[in-house]
Amino acid sequence: MTSVHQHLAALYGEPVARDLTGRLRGRLDQLKAKTRSGAPRDSLPLTQQDALLITYADQLRETERAPLRTLTDFALAHLREVITAIHLLPFYPWSSDDGFSVKDYYGVDPQYGSWTDIRQLGDHFHLMFDAVFNHLSVQGDWFRQYLEGDGQYRDFFISAEPGWDLARVVRPRALPLLTEFGTPEGPRRIWTTFSADQADLNFRNPEVLWAVLEALLFYVEQGARYIRLDAIAFLWKQPGTTCLHLPQTHRIVQLMRACLDQFAPHVLLITETNVPHQDNLSYFGDGTNEAQLVYNFALPPLVLHSLQTGNAQALTRWARALVLPSDRVTFLNFLASHDGVGMNPARGILSEAEIDALVARTVGRGGFISYKSQPDGSEIPYEMNINYLDAISDPAAREPAPLAARKFLTAHNILLSLRGVPAIYFHSLIGSRGDRAAAEATGLKRRINRQKLERAPVESSLQDSSTLRAQIFDGLRQQLALRRTHAAFAPAASQDVLELDPRVFAVVRQSTGGSDRMLCVHNVSSESVTVAGPGTGEDVRLEPYSSVWRSVC
């Protein structure tokens, strides 16, 4: 517990650290007795077989059946041989933001099912839970009791004081930073980074940290293998600063890692920080003391740029420079998720003209653009809200299913070839198009890629090989299955990105010890391309929007 005490002392001073360390020791001993554990690991316990599905708990629906049970049945029927883990997006009781305005960290929203349903899913797949610790719903009990003056929740949220310097605070959205609420003592201006329905927790109060650690450990007890720290970069607030990536935030991540390493080393932390690439990498810490995985946020816009322009040079330059601080960490590689495609991670990699072009193509293909506020009051594009298939294959162009599928599969083959653990969004897995009508009807731009579906018609289309859904679904499953058979795709395997042709993204992966070596070549253009195959002794011919993976000496 030495490192735990050190982190707490750095945050709150010695007297508080002694008290919290004592409380934590007792709680962690309980945790160790309830969960499988062991000695801290010297390497990352992941292999080429690990792959995640990102999904809402109610992504698929059936009449008079808990959606979690429907999801379990679907996953067992179709994904057991290619997916090892499922990221269940927030399934707790919520009030807005499609689950991310959490009312109760400890509950399962009855509309999805129960903890029993989640544990049954966990009997077959590893699970990722969201730890939405930056904020809570203003409609939840914690915030209600705070407003009522309950002493237990005193200072649980942040009431802005007159004279605070908030000019430098980084805003993720173009919304007010503070929201006024009435209390028995008069109105208070509460810090609400993400929306007026989401009040930020006050981690300068050690009791808030204790309450959040209790929730974290509860998730471990409920079977979480991965815990995703949502919006973690905003956690600690300090007037006069940006309130982003503060040293105290990193300390809290390190504290969580220290607790889990000692008492639940099978549980891995993943940080979600949709920020410029170098800032994102900082959440690896020194390679041993913060998150084991970080979202590779620059990958989605760079792959999209490559497929839209037929030129992979920016992607190649960026990938050649990727470095991990140790073999105990890796990237979570993804292209699409419940959110849009972030623009901040691409800044400094793509030119402003290239970013503007991405934005223009998104709007032209039926998507939306979300903006963020700058300290000077101006706004810049923050996120492209568009279904990833629509972004690659313009729905208005009505491309034949085989062509649209080839483009989309090429993008995902790039994802699957890179060092890290792949994560596939449910709508990408089944080849969904965007739901613009839902976004327009609700005013929520992200709803364009969050459609909930009836199970029967989805499965019917997956069984028809002529449909776009089936061609994408079958293609992704085949490539995932192939990836599982080669140790060259393990997270610890080496990666050598090649410069062969501007239209081609190529990488050589080699297993630890060198027994398995794979050349992965991807043509992002509409032209046929022939390149020299390193280590193969023969040229590689690539049809438009195609991939070739082969073993090499």
Protein backbone atom coordinates (compact mmCIF):
# COMPACT_ATOMS: atom_id res chain seq x y z
CA MET A 1 0.00 0.00 0.00
CA THR A 2 3.06 2.25 -0.02
CA SER A 3 2.42 3.66 -3.49
CA VAL A 4 -1.28 4.15 -2.73
CA HIS A 5 -0.38 6.18 0.37
CA GLN A 6 2.13 8.25 -1.62
CA HIS A 7 -0.46 9.17 -4.24
CA LEU A 8 -3.01 10.13 -1.60
CA ALA A 9 -0.46 12.22 0.29
CA ALA A 10 0.47 14.07 -2.89
CA LEU A 11 -3.20 14.87 -3.48
CA TYR A 12 -4.43 15.70 0.03
CA GLY A 13 -1.56 15.72 2.53
CA GLU A 14 -0.49 13.23 5.19
CA PRO A 15 -3.41 13.24 7.69
CA VAL A 16 -6.00 12.60 4.97
CA ALA A 17 -3.70 10.07 3.28
CA ARG A 18 -3.38 8.02 6.46
CA ASP A 19 -7.16 7.90 6.91
CA LEU A 20 -7.94 6.98 3.29
CA THR A 21 -5.14 4.42 3.10
CA GLY A 22 -6.56 2.65 6.12
CA ARG A 23 -10.05 2.60 4.67
CA LEU A 24 -8.75 1.41 1.32
CA ARG A 25 -6.72 -1.38 2.84
CA GLY A 26 -9.83 -2.90 4.37
CA ARG A 27 -11.88 -2.48 1.20
CA LEU A 28 -9.17 -3.95 -1.01
CA ASP A 29 -8.76 -6.96 1.24
CA GLN A 30 -12.47 -7.62 0.74
CA LEU A 31 -12.02 -7.28 -3.01
CA LYS A 32 -9.12 -9.71 -3.12
CA ALA A 33 -11.19 -12.30 -1.27
CA LYS A 34 -14.07 -11.99 -3.76
CA THR A 35 -12.23 -11.87 -7.10
CA ARG A 36 -9.59 -13.88 -8.88
CA SER A 37 -6.27 -12.19 -8.37
CA GLY A 38 -2.57 -12.87 -8.24
CA ALA A 39 0.76 -11.17 -8.37
CA PRO A 40 1.15 -7.97 -10.42
CA ARG A 41 1.98 -8.79 -14.01
CA ASP A 42 5.28 -7.98 -15.69
CA SER A 43 3.73 -7.86 -19.16
CA LEU A 44 0.39 -7.07 -20.73
CA PRO A 45 -1.92 -10.11 -20.43
CA LEU A 46 -3.32 -9.77 -23.96
CA THR A 47 -2.72 -11.71 -27.18
CA GLN A 48 -3.61 -11.61 -30.86
CA GLN A 49 -6.88 -13.35 -29.95
CA ASP A 50 -8.18 -10.37 -28.00
CA ALA A 51 -10.72 -8.18 -29.79
CA LEU A 52 -13.59 -6.07 -28.47
CA LEU A 53 -17.10 -5.26 -29.58
CA ILE A 54 -18.41 -1.78 -28.64
CA THR A 55 -22.17 -1.79 -28.12
CA TYR A 56 -25.11 -0.39 -26.23
CA ALA A 57 -26.86 -2.80 -23.88
CA ASP A 58 -30.06 -2.40 -25.93
CA GLN A 59 -28.42 -2.36 -29.35
CA LEU A 60 -30.66 -5.23 -30.45
CA ARG A 61 -34.25 -5.58 -29.33
CA GLU A 62 -36.91 -8.27 -29.19
CA THR A 63 -40.47 -7.97 -27.97
CA GLU A 64 -40.93 -8.55 -24.23
CA ARG A 65 -37.31 -9.56 -23.68
CA ALA A 66 -34.51 -7.87 -21.77
CA PRO A 67 -32.12 -6.41 -24.37
CA LEU A 68 -29.09 -7.70 -22.47
CA ARG A 69 -30.37 -11.25 -23.01
CA THR A 70 -30.91 -10.57 -26.70
CA LEU A 71 -27.37 -9.21 -26.98
CA THR A 72 -25.98 -12.29 -25.22
CA ASP A 73 -27.80 -14.63 -27.58
CA PHE A 74 -26.65 -12.74 -30.66
CA ALA A 75 -23.04 -12.63 -29.49
CA LEU A 76 -23.00 -16.35 -28.69
CA ALA A 77 -24.53 -17.20 -32.06
CA HIS A 78 -22.24 -15.06 -34.21
CA LEU A 79 -19.19 -13.74 -32.36
CA ARG A 80 -17.90 -16.34 -29.94
CA GLU A 81 -15.04 -17.36 -32.27
CA VAL A 82 -13.85 -13.83 -33.14
CA ILE A 83 -14.64 -11.49 -30.22
CA THR A 84 -13.25 -11.99 -26.71
CA ALA A 85 -14.65 -8.93 -24.94
CA ILE A 86 -17.70 -6.67 -25.06
CA HIS A 87 -17.66 -3.01 -24.11
CA LEU A 88 -21.11 -2.34 -22.70
CA LEU A 89 -21.69 1.39 -23.01
CA PRO A 90 -23.22 2.86 -19.83
CA PHE A 91 -26.08 0.64 -18.70
CA TYR A 92 -26.65 2.44 -15.40
CA PRO A 93 -29.79 4.50 -14.69
CA TRP A 94 -29.37 7.74 -16.66
CA SER A 95 -31.12 10.96 -17.60
CA SER A 96 -29.46 12.17 -20.84
CA ASP A 97 -26.47 11.87 -23.19
CA ASP A 98 -27.55 8.33 -24.12
CA GLY A 99 -26.30 6.93 -20.84
CA PHE A 100 -23.36 9.17 -19.97
CA SER A 101 -25.39 11.31 -17.57
CA VAL A 102 -25.38 8.63 -14.86
CA LYS A 103 -27.84 8.84 -11.97
CA ASP A 104 -26.55 5.85 -9.99
CA TYR A 105 -23.15 4.17 -10.36
CA TYR A 106 -24.43 0.97 -8.73
CA GLY A 107 -27.59 0.20 -10.70
CA VAL A 108 -28.58 -1.37 -13.99
CA ASP A 109 -31.30 0.53 -15.81
CA PRO A 110 -34.35 -1.81 -15.74
CA GLN A 111 -35.01 -1.12 -19.42
CA TYR A 112 -31.85 -3.14 -20.21
CA GLY A 113 -32.09 -5.98 -17.70
CA SER A 114 -30.26 -6.71 -14.46
CA TRP A 115 -26.86 -7.43 -12.94
CA THR A 116 -27.71 -11.11 -13.39
CA ASP A 117 -28.00 -10.54 -17.15
CA ILE A 118 -24.66 -8.75 -17.21
CA ARG A 119 -22.97 -11.54 -15.26
CA GLN A 120 -24.42 -14.10 -17.68
CA LEU A 121 -22.90 -12.19 -20.60
CA GLY A 122 -19.66 -12.14 -18.61
CA ASP A 123 -19.74 -15.92 -18.39
CA HIS A 124 -18.86 -16.00 -22.10
CA PHE A 125 -17.03 -12.73 -22.83
CA HIS A 126 -14.75 -10.40 -20.94
CA LEU A 127 -16.58 -7.16 -20.13
CA MET A 128 -15.65 -3.50 -20.26
CA PHE A 129 -17.59 -1.13 -18.00
CA ASP A 130 -17.59 2.66 -18.23
CA ALA A 131 -16.40 4.59 -15.18
CA VAL A 132 -18.11 7.94 -15.79
CA PHE A 133 -16.39 9.67 -12.90
CA ASN A 134 -15.98 13.23 -14.18
CA HIS A 135 -19.64 14.02 -13.63
CA LEU A 136 -23.03 12.75 -12.49
CA SER A 137 -26.60 13.50 -13.51
CA VAL A 138 -28.21 16.46 -11.77
CA GLN A 139 -31.27 14.21 -11.51
CA GLY A 140 -29.44 11.65 -9.38
CA ASP A 141 -29.54 11.28 -5.60
CA TRP A 142 -26.01 12.58 -4.99
CA PHE A 143 -26.73 15.91 -6.64
CA ARG A 144 -30.21 16.20 -5.11
CA GLN A 145 -28.80 15.70 -1.62
CA TYR A 146 -26.01 18.17 -2.37
CA LEU A 147 -28.56 20.85 -3.31
CA GLU A 148 -30.59 20.07 -0.18
CA GLY A 149 -27.55 20.68 2.01
CA ASP A 150 -27.02 17.08 3.16
CA GLY A 151 -23.75 17.13 5.11
CA GLN A 152 -22.58 13.81 3.62
CA TYR A 153 -22.56 15.39 0.17
CA ARG A 154 -21.15 18.77 1.13
CA ASP A 155 -18.63 19.91 -1.49
CA PHE A 156 -19.32 16.87 -3.71
CA PHE A 157 -19.85 19.23 -6.65
CA ILE A 158 -18.19 22.48 -7.66
CA SER A 159 -19.88 25.79 -6.91
CA ALA A 160 -18.03 28.62 -8.65
CA GLU A 161 -16.94 31.44 -6.39
CA PRO A 162 -16.86 35.13 -7.40
CA GLY A 163 -13.48 36.11 -8.77
CA TRP A 164 -12.48 32.67 -10.01
CA ASP A 165 -10.34 32.88 -13.15
CA LEU A 166 -11.98 30.49 -15.61
CA ALA A 167 -10.71 32.10 -18.82
CA ARG A 168 -8.28 29.30 -19.64
CA VAL A 169 -10.63 26.38 -19.02
CA VAL A 170 -10.75 24.09 -22.06
CA ARG A 171 -14.30 23.37 -23.21
CA PRO A 172 -15.13 20.15 -25.07
CA ARG A 173 -18.42 21.54 -26.35
CA ALA A 174 -19.89 24.90 -27.27
CA LEU A 175 -22.01 25.10 -24.10
CA PRO A 176 -21.86 27.21 -20.93
CA LEU A 177 -19.31 26.06 -18.35
CA LEU A 178 -21.55 26.95 -15.37
CA THR A 179 -25.24 26.25 -14.72
CA GLU A 180 -27.29 27.94 -12.00
CA PHE A 181 -29.25 25.82 -9.51
CA GLY A 182 -31.36 26.90 -6.55
CA THR A 183 -30.46 25.81 -3.01
CA PRO A 184 -31.80 26.70 0.48
CA GLU A 185 -28.85 29.10 0.75
CA GLY A 186 -29.62 30.79 -2.56
CA PRO A 187 -28.59 30.17 -6.19
CA ARG A 188 -25.29 28.45 -6.97
CA ARG A 189 -23.38 28.35 -10.24
CA ILE A 190 -22.38 24.70 -10.66
CA TRP A 191 -19.54 23.49 -12.90
CA THR A 192 -21.07 21.54 -15.80
CA THR A 193 -18.36 20.73 -18.34
CA PHE A 194 -20.47 18.60 -20.70
CA SER A 195 -24.06 19.78 -20.28
CA ALA A 196 -26.46 21.40 -17.83
CA ASP A 197 -27.62 17.89 -16.88
CA GLN A 198 -24.11 16.70 -15.94
CA ALA A 199 -22.58 18.22 -12.81
CA ASP A 200 -18.82 17.75 -12.37
CA LEU A 201 -17.64 16.02 -9.22
CA ASN A 202 -15.26 17.89 -6.92
CA PHE A 203 -12.15 15.73 -6.54
CA ARG A 204 -10.51 18.35 -4.33
CA ASN A 205 -12.78 16.82 -1.69
CA PRO A 206 -11.14 13.51 -0.64
CA GLU A 207 -14.56 12.04 0.18
CA VAL A 208 -15.44 12.31 -3.51
CA LEU A 209 -12.37 10.28 -4.43
CA TRP A 210 -13.28 7.70 -1.81
CA ALA A 211 -16.84 7.42 -3.17
CA VAL A 212 -15.55 7.00 -6.72
CA LEU A 213 -12.99 4.37 -5.70
CA GLU A 214 -15.80 2.44 -4.03
CA ALA A 215 -17.67 2.44 -7.37
CA LEU A 216 -14.54 1.38 -9.25
CA LEU A 217 -14.02 -1.59 -6.95
CA PHE A 218 -17.73 -2.49 -7.20
CA TYR A 219 -17.29 -2.82 -10.97
CA VAL A 220 -14.41 -5.20 -10.41
CA GLU A 221 -16.63 -7.30 -8.14
CA GLN A 222 -19.30 -7.37 -10.86
CA GLY A 223 -16.88 -8.92 -13.32
CA ALA A 224 -15.31 -6.04 -15.25
CA ARG A 225 -12.07 -7.08 -17.00
CA TYR A 226 -11.59 -3.62 -18.53
CA ILE A 227 -12.61 -0.31 -16.97
CA ARG A 228 -12.91 2.66 -19.29
CA LEU A 229 -12.18 6.00 -17.62
CA ASP A 230 -14.56 8.26 -19.50
CA ALA A 231 -13.53 11.90 -20.09
CA ILE A 232 -10.77 11.41 -17.54
CA ALA A 233 -8.66 14.32 -18.78
CA PHE A 234 -11.13 16.83 -17.25
CA LEU A 235 -11.21 15.23 -13.79
CA TRP A 236 -9.40 17.76 -11.56
CA LYS A 237 -10.51 21.39 -11.57
CA GLN A 238 -8.17 24.26 -10.64
CA PRO A 239 -9.22 27.84 -11.43
CA GLY A 240 -6.55 29.73 -13.34
CA THR A 241 -5.58 26.63 -15.37
CA THR A 242 -6.92 24.78 -18.41
CA CYS A 243 -8.37 22.12 -16.07
CA LEU A 244 -7.15 19.56 -18.61
CA HIS A 245 -4.46 16.89 -18.02
CA LEU A 246 -3.59 18.38 -14.63
CA PRO A 247 -0.96 16.54 -12.54
CA GLN A 248 -3.63 15.66 -9.98
CA THR A 249 -5.65 13.89 -12.69
CA HIS A 250 -2.66 11.74 -13.58
CA ARG A 251 -2.13 11.03 -9.87
CA ILE A 252 -5.67 9.70 -9.58
CA VAL A 253 -5.18 7.40 -12.57
CA GLN A 254 -1.93 6.20 -10.99
CA LEU A 255 -3.75 5.60 -7.71
CA MET A 256 -6.40 3.50 -9.43
CA ARG A 257 -3.70 1.52 -11.25
CA ALA A 258 -1.80 0.92 -7.98
CA CYS A 259 -4.96 -0.39 -6.27
CA LEU A 260 -5.81 -2.74 -9.12
CA ASP A 261 -2.24 -3.95 -9.65
CA GLN A 262 -2.04 -5.08 -6.04
CA PHE A 263 -5.50 -6.54 -5.53
CA ALA A 264 -7.04 -7.23 -8.99
CA PRO A 265 -4.19 -7.37 -11.53
CA HIS A 266 -6.44 -9.02 -14.12
CA VAL A 267 -8.38 -5.74 -14.50
CA LEU A 268 -7.05 -3.28 -17.09
CA LEU A 269 -7.59 0.49 -17.23
CA ILE A 270 -8.40 2.25 -20.50
CA THR A 271 -8.36 6.05 -20.71
CA GLU A 272 -10.73 7.89 -23.03
CA THR A 273 -9.13 11.24 -23.90
CA ASN A 274 -10.23 12.68 -27.23
CA VAL A 275 -7.34 15.14 -27.40
CA PRO A 276 -4.24 15.77 -29.56
CA HIS A 277 -2.18 12.62 -30.00
CA GLN A 278 0.76 13.49 -27.75
CA ASP A 279 -1.52 14.49 -24.88
CA ASN A 280 -3.38 11.22 -25.33
CA LEU A 281 -0.14 9.23 -24.99
CA SER A 282 0.60 10.88 -21.63
CA TYR A 283 -1.97 8.58 -20.02
CA PHE A 284 0.40 5.64 -20.43
CA GLY A 285 2.47 7.36 -17.72
CA ASP A 286 5.92 5.79 -17.64
CA GLY A 287 4.58 2.62 -19.23
CA THR A 288 3.95 0.89 -15.90
CA ASN A 289 1.95 3.22 -13.67
CA GLU A 290 -1.12 4.56 -15.51
CA ALA A 291 -3.48 3.09 -18.11
CA GLN A 292 -2.59 -0.19 -19.79
CA LEU A 293 -4.52 0.92 -22.88
CA VAL A 294 -5.40 4.28 -24.43
CA TYR A 295 -7.79 4.92 -27.28
CA ASN A 296 -5.86 5.54 -30.49
CA PHE A 297 -7.95 8.60 -31.35
CA ALA A 298 -5.85 9.76 -34.29
CA LEU A 299 -6.51 6.56 -36.22
CA PRO A 300 -10.18 7.16 -37.27
CA PRO A 301 -9.65 10.55 -38.98
CA LEU A 302 -6.38 9.43 -40.60
CA VAL A 303 -7.86 6.26 -42.08
CA LEU A 304 -10.86 8.26 -43.24
CA HIS A 305 -8.60 10.84 -44.88
CA SER A 306 -6.69 8.07 -46.62
CA LEU A 307 -9.76 6.37 -48.10
CA GLN A 308 -11.39 9.65 -49.11
CA THR A 309 -8.30 11.00 -50.89
CA GLY A 310 -6.76 7.73 -52.13
CA ASN A 311 -3.52 8.73 -50.41
CA ALA A 312 -2.08 7.00 -47.32
CA GLN A 313 1.01 9.15 -46.84
CA ALA A 314 -0.23 11.03 -43.74
CA LEU A 315 -1.32 7.76 -42.15
CA THR A 316 2.02 6.17 -42.99
CA ARG A 317 4.08 9.05 -41.55
CA TRP A 318 2.08 9.01 -38.33
CA ALA A 319 2.15 5.24 -37.90
CA ARG A 320 5.91 5.10 -38.50
CA ALA A 321 6.38 7.40 -35.51
CA LEU A 322 4.21 5.42 -33.09
CA VAL A 323 6.16 4.40 -30.00
CA LEU A 324 4.98 2.67 -26.82
CA PRO A 325 6.80 3.34 -23.53
CA SER A 326 6.85 -0.36 -22.55
CA ASP A 327 5.53 -3.81 -23.44
CA ARG A 328 3.03 -3.46 -20.58
CA VAL A 329 0.84 -1.01 -22.50
CA THR A 330 -0.78 -0.83 -25.91
CA PHE A 331 -3.35 1.03 -28.01
CA LEU A 332 -7.04 0.34 -28.26
CA ASN A 333 -7.44 0.70 -32.01
CA PHE A 334 -10.86 1.68 -33.35
CA LEU A 335 -12.45 3.50 -36.28
CA ALA A 336 -16.01 4.13 -35.11
CA SER A 337 -17.82 4.29 -31.81
CA HIS A 338 -20.97 5.70 -30.22
CA ASP A 339 -19.33 9.14 -30.57
CA GLY A 340 -18.27 10.89 -33.74
CA VAL A 341 -14.84 11.13 -35.36
CA GLY A 342 -12.73 13.51 -33.27
CA MET A 343 -10.81 16.27 -35.02
CA ASN A 344 -8.44 17.29 -32.19
CA PRO A 345 -6.31 14.13 -32.51
CA ALA A 346 -5.68 14.89 -36.19
CA ARG A 347 -4.47 18.43 -35.60
CA GLY A 348 -0.73 18.65 -36.11
CA ILE A 349 -0.84 15.50 -38.25
CA LEU A 350 -3.15 16.71 -41.01
CA SER A 351 -2.99 20.27 -42.31
CA GLU A 352 -5.83 22.68 -41.58
CA ALA A 353 -6.79 22.47 -45.25
CA GLU A 354 -7.01 18.67 -45.01
CA ILE A 355 -9.11 18.92 -41.85
CA ASP A 356 -11.41 21.44 -43.55
CA ALA A 357 -11.79 19.00 -46.43
CA LEU A 358 -12.76 16.19 -44.05
CA VAL A 359 -15.37 18.48 -42.50
CA ALA A 360 -16.76 19.48 -45.90
CA ARG A 361 -17.02 15.86 -47.06
CA THR A 362 -18.80 14.92 -43.84
CA VAL A 363 -21.46 17.55 -44.41
CA GLY A 364 -21.70 16.56 -48.08
CA ARG A 365 -22.35 12.95 -47.13
CA GLY A 366 -25.18 13.71 -44.75
CA GLY A 367 -23.26 14.14 -41.49
CA PHE A 368 -23.07 16.91 -38.93
CA ILE A 369 -20.25 18.86 -37.31
CA SER A 370 -20.00 19.53 -33.58
CA TYR A 371 -18.03 22.56 -32.40
CA LYS A 372 -16.04 23.39 -29.29
CA SER A 373 -15.46 26.76 -27.67
CA GLN A 374 -11.99 28.29 -27.59
CA PRO A 375 -10.75 30.44 -24.69
CA ASP A 376 -11.15 33.53 -26.90
CA GLY A 377 -14.82 32.72 -27.49
CA SER A 378 -14.40 31.40 -31.03
CA GLU A 379 -15.55 27.95 -32.10
CA ILE A 380 -13.75 25.27 -34.11
CA PRO A 381 -14.86 21.84 -35.41
CA TYR A 382 -14.46 19.31 -32.63
CA GLU A 383 -16.15 16.19 -33.97
CA MET A 384 -17.59 14.84 -37.20
CA ASN A 385 -20.92 13.15 -36.49
CA ILE A 386 -21.38 10.63 -39.25
CA ASN A 387 -21.74 6.89 -39.64
CA TYR A 388 -18.26 5.60 -40.60
CA LEU A 389 -19.56 3.58 -43.57
CA ASP A 390 -21.29 6.71 -44.91
CA ALA A 391 -18.06 8.66 -44.50
CA ILE A 392 -16.17 6.12 -46.62
CA SER A 393 -18.92 5.21 -49.11
CA ASP A 394 -21.12 8.21 -49.88
CA PRO A 395 -24.72 6.98 -49.47
CA ALA A 396 -25.91 9.37 -52.17
CA ALA A 397 -23.58 7.71 -54.69
CA ARG A 398 -25.41 4.39 -54.27
CA GLU A 399 -22.25 2.37 -54.80
CA PRO A 400 -22.76 -1.35 -55.45
CA ALA A 401 -22.59 -3.39 -52.26
CA PRO A 402 -19.34 -5.18 -53.21
CA LEU A 403 -17.54 -1.86 -53.80
CA ALA A 404 -18.82 -0.24 -50.59
CA ALA A 405 -17.90 -3.38 -48.63
CA ARG A 406 -14.37 -3.47 -50.12
CA LYS A 407 -13.74 0.13 -49.09
CA PHE A 408 -15.05 -0.44 -45.58
CA LEU A 409 -13.19 -3.72 -45.12
CA THR A 410 -9.94 -2.15 -46.32
CA ALA A 411 -10.29 0.50 -43.62
CA HIS A 412 -10.84 -2.19 -40.99
CA ASN A 413 -8.03 -4.36 -42.29
CA ILE A 414 -5.71 -1.41 -41.62
CA LEU A 415 -7.11 -1.26 -38.10
CA LEU A 416 -6.61 -4.99 -37.57
CA SER A 417 -3.04 -4.94 -38.87
CA LEU A 418 -1.75 -2.36 -36.40
CA ARG A 419 -0.15 -2.91 -33.02
CA GLY A 420 -2.78 -2.86 -30.31
CA VAL A 421 -6.13 -4.41 -29.46
CA PRO A 422 -8.90 -3.90 -32.05
CA ALA A 423 -12.34 -2.64 -31.06
CA ILE A 424 -15.23 -2.81 -33.54
CA TYR A 425 -18.41 -0.76 -33.09
CA PHE A 426 -21.63 -2.76 -33.45
CA HIS A 427 -22.91 -0.67 -36.37
CA SER A 428 -19.60 -1.14 -38.19
CA LEU A 429 -19.67 -4.89 -37.57
CA ILE A 430 -23.07 -5.26 -39.23
CA GLY A 431 -22.59 -2.65 -41.97
CA SER A 432 -25.16 -0.08 -40.84
CA ARG A 433 -25.79 3.20 -42.60
CA GLY A 434 -26.44 6.42 -40.69
CA ASP A 435 -29.69 7.40 -38.99
CA ARG A 436 -29.87 11.09 -39.87
CA ALA A 437 -33.58 11.20 -39.12
CA ALA A 438 -32.98 10.34 -35.46
CA ALA A 439 -30.36 13.07 -35.13
CA GLU A 440 -32.68 15.65 -36.69
CA ALA A 441 -35.69 14.57 -34.62
CA THR A 442 -33.86 14.78 -31.29
CA GLY A 443 -31.39 17.57 -32.01
CA LEU A 444 -28.60 15.21 -30.84
CA LYS A 445 -26.03 14.97 -33.61
CA ARG A 446 -24.42 11.81 -32.24
CA ARG A 447 -27.72 9.93 -32.65
CA ILE A 448 -26.81 9.59 -36.33
CA ASN A 449 -24.70 6.57 -35.39
CA ARG A 450 -26.63 5.18 -32.41
CA GLN A 451 -29.68 3.54 -33.95
CA LYS A 452 -31.27 0.69 -31.97
CA LEU A 453 -32.34 -2.25 -34.12
CA GLU A 454 -34.78 -5.13 -34.11
CA ARG A 455 -32.94 -8.44 -34.03
CA ALA A 456 -35.00 -10.41 -36.57
CA PRO A 457 -34.51 -8.15 -39.63
CA VAL A 458 -30.82 -7.69 -38.81
CA GLU A 459 -30.21 -11.43 -38.69
CA SER A 460 -32.26 -11.94 -41.83
CA SER A 461 -30.07 -9.50 -43.78
CA LEU A 462 -26.89 -11.09 -42.37
CA GLN A 463 -27.98 -14.42 -43.84
CA ASP A 464 -28.40 -12.94 -47.34
CA SER A 465 -24.98 -12.82 -49.00
CA SER A 466 -26.15 -10.21 -51.51
CA THR A 467 -26.66 -7.55 -48.83
CA LEU A 468 -24.11 -4.99 -47.78
CA ARG A 469 -24.64 -6.02 -44.16
CA ALA A 470 -23.72 -9.63 -44.88
CA GLN A 471 -20.68 -8.76 -46.99
CA ILE A 472 -19.24 -6.50 -44.30
CA PHE A 473 -20.18 -8.82 -41.43
CA ASP A 474 -18.70 -11.91 -43.08
CA GLY A 475 -15.59 -10.03 -44.21
CA LEU A 476 -14.87 -8.69 -40.73
CA ARG A 477 -15.41 -12.06 -39.09
CA GLN A 478 -13.06 -13.75 -41.57
CA GLN A 479 -10.31 -11.17 -41.01
CA LEU A 480 -10.70 -11.32 -37.24
CA ALA A 481 -10.47 -15.12 -37.40
CA LEU A 482 -7.30 -14.91 -39.51
CA ARG A 483 -5.75 -12.41 -37.14
CA ARG A 484 -6.29 -14.75 -34.19
CA THR A 485 -4.12 -17.45 -35.78
CA HIS A 486 -0.96 -15.34 -36.07
CA ALA A 487 1.22 -14.39 -33.09
CA ALA A 488 2.56 -11.58 -35.30
CA PHE A 489 -0.58 -9.63 -34.35
CA ALA A 490 -0.10 -9.86 -30.59
CA PRO A 491 0.10 -6.45 -28.88
CA ALA A 492 3.74 -7.10 -27.97
CA ALA A 493 4.72 -8.05 -31.55
CA SER A 494 6.89 -5.55 -33.41
CA GLN A 495 5.59 -3.20 -36.07
CA ASP A 496 7.47 -1.88 -39.08
CA VAL A 497 5.49 0.55 -41.23
CA LEU A 498 6.76 0.66 -44.81
CA GLU A 499 6.78 3.40 -47.45
CA LEU A 500 5.99 1.58 -50.70
CA ASP A 501 3.56 3.78 -52.63
CA PRO A 502 1.49 6.86 -51.70
CA ARG A 503 -1.70 4.87 -52.37
CA VAL A 504 -0.69 2.01 -50.09
CA PHE A 505 -0.52 1.52 -46.34
CA ALA A 506 1.86 -1.34 -45.54
CA VAL A 507 3.10 -2.82 -42.30
CA VAL A 508 5.18 -5.82 -41.31
CA ARG A 509 4.28 -7.40 -37.97
CA GLN A 510 6.65 -9.87 -36.31
CA SER A 511 6.03 -11.99 -33.24
CA THR A 512 8.32 -11.91 -30.23
CA GLY A 513 11.14 -14.28 -31.13
CA GLY A 514 10.47 -13.88 -34.86
CA SER A 515 8.70 -17.18 -35.52
CA ASP A 516 5.70 -15.49 -37.19
CA ARG A 517 6.05 -12.59 -39.63
CA MET A 518 3.19 -11.04 -41.61
CA LEU A 519 3.16 -8.48 -44.41
CA CYS A 520 -0.09 -6.49 -44.55
CA VAL A 521 -0.61 -4.27 -47.60
CA HIS A 522 -3.69 -2.10 -48.16
CA ASN A 523 -4.64 -0.11 -51.25
CA VAL A 524 -6.71 2.93 -50.26
CA SER A 525 -7.20 4.16 -53.83
CA SER A 526 -9.50 3.50 -56.79
CA GLU A 527 -6.51 2.38 -58.91
CA SER A 528 -4.77 -0.97 -59.22
CA VAL A 529 -1.33 -0.88 -57.60
CA THR A 530 1.68 -3.20 -57.74
CA VAL A 531 4.37 -2.97 -55.07
CA ALA A 532 7.47 -4.97 -54.24
CA GLY A 533 6.74 -7.38 -51.42
CA PRO A 534 9.50 -7.18 -48.79
CA GLY A 535 10.60 -10.65 -47.76
CA THR A 536 8.35 -12.38 -50.30
CA GLY A 537 10.60 -12.32 -53.35
CA GLU A 538 7.64 -11.32 -55.52
CA ASP A 539 5.49 -8.32 -56.28
CA VAL A 540 2.15 -7.75 -54.61
CA ARG A 541 -0.69 -6.70 -56.89
CA LEU A 542 -3.56 -4.86 -55.24
CA GLU A 543 -6.93 -4.28 -56.85
CA PRO A 544 -8.69 -1.00 -55.99
CA TYR A 545 -9.63 -0.83 -52.31
CA SER A 546 -8.17 -4.18 -51.39
CA SER A 547 -5.84 -5.80 -48.88
CA VAL A 548 -3.26 -8.57 -49.01
CA TRP A 549 -1.98 -10.26 -45.86
CA ARG A 550 0.70 -12.92 -46.28
CA SER A 551 3.40 -14.67 -44.30
CA VAL A 552 6.95 -13.59 -45.12
CA CYS A 553 10.37 -14.88 -44.24
